[in-house]
Amino acid sequence: MLLEQTLATLHALKLHGMATALDEQRGIPDLTTLAFEERLALLLEREQARRHDRRLARLLQLARLRYAA
């Protein structure tokens, strides 16, 4: 139950990338051997990558680039 509350809190804080990564980590048994700091670093990297990808997608949409078909 604690994990579900943590996931809900991450979503409430708009840390959707971290929530997704944490949910995915539940299914990977090898990750339990990692230290807390290493797992936290993986969660933060996922959040950062998600935000970067969303920013690029938004900028590309706003650019309205023309392309030849």
Protein backbone atom coordinates (compact mmCIF):
# COMPACT_ATOMS: atom_id res chain seq x y z
CA MET A 1 0.00 0.00 0.00
CA LEU A 2 2.89 2.36 0.68
CA LEU A 3 4.03 2.06 -2.93
CA GLU A 4 0.58 3.01 -4.22
CA GLN A 5 0.59 6.09 -1.99
CA THR A 6 4.06 6.99 -3.22
CA LEU A 7 2.96 6.67 -6.84
CA ALA A 8 -0.10 8.83 -6.14
CA THR A 9 2.10 11.45 -4.48
CA LEU A 10 4.54 11.46 -7.41
CA HIS A 11 1.65 12.02 -9.82
CA ALA A 12 0.23 14.76 -7.59
CA LEU A 13 3.62 16.48 -7.69
CA LYS A 14 3.61 16.09 -11.48
CA LEU A 15 6.63 13.79 -11.41
CA HIS A 16 5.08 11.41 -13.91
CA GLY A 17 8.41 10.19 -15.27
CA MET A 18 9.57 9.14 -11.82
CA ALA A 19 6.24 7.45 -11.12
CA THR A 20 6.44 5.48 -14.35
CA ALA A 21 10.04 4.46 -13.67
CA LEU A 22 9.21 3.39 -10.10
CA ASP A 23 6.30 1.31 -11.34
CA GLU A 24 8.56 -0.33 -13.94
CA GLN A 25 11.24 -1.02 -11.34
CA ARG A 26 8.78 -3.18 -9.38
CA GLY A 27 8.94 -5.80 -12.13
CA ILE A 28 12.75 -5.99 -12.32
CA PRO A 29 14.12 -8.14 -9.49
CA ASP A 30 17.79 -7.28 -10.23
CA LEU A 31 17.23 -3.67 -9.21
CA THR A 32 16.82 -4.64 -5.56
CA THR A 33 20.58 -5.20 -5.44
CA LEU A 34 21.23 -1.53 -6.23
CA ALA A 35 21.80 0.99 -3.49
CA PHE A 36 19.15 3.57 -2.69
CA GLU A 37 21.19 6.34 -4.29
CA GLU A 38 21.57 4.37 -7.52
CA ARG A 39 17.84 3.66 -7.76
CA LEU A 40 17.05 7.29 -6.99
CA ALA A 41 19.46 8.37 -9.72
CA LEU A 42 17.63 6.11 -12.20
CA LEU A 43 14.30 7.67 -11.24
CA LEU A 44 15.68 11.19 -11.60
CA GLU A 45 17.23 10.40 -14.98
CA ARG A 46 13.88 9.14 -16.23
CA GLU A 47 12.09 12.28 -15.04
CA GLN A 48 14.69 14.50 -16.65
CA ALA A 49 14.51 12.59 -19.94
CA ARG A 50 10.70 12.76 -19.96
CA ARG A 51 10.71 16.51 -19.41
CA HIS A 52 13.35 17.01 -22.10
CA ASP A 53 11.38 14.91 -24.59
CA ARG A 54 8.14 16.77 -23.85
CA ARG A 55 9.93 20.12 -24.26
CA LEU A 56 11.37 19.11 -27.61
CA ALA A 57 8.01 17.83 -28.82
CA ARG A 58 6.34 21.10 -27.80
CA LEU A 59 9.00 23.20 -29.51
CA LEU A 60 8.77 21.16 -32.70
CA GLN A 61 5.01 21.55 -32.72
CA LEU A 62 5.30 25.30 -32.24
CA ALA A 63 7.94 25.59 -34.98
CA ARG A 64 5.49 24.38 -37.64
CA LEU A 65 8.31 23.21 -39.83
CA ARG A 66 7.60 22.68 -43.50
CA TYR A 67 8.88 19.59 -45.22
CA ALA A 68 8.81 18.28 -48.77
CA ALA A 69 6.88 15.08 -49.22
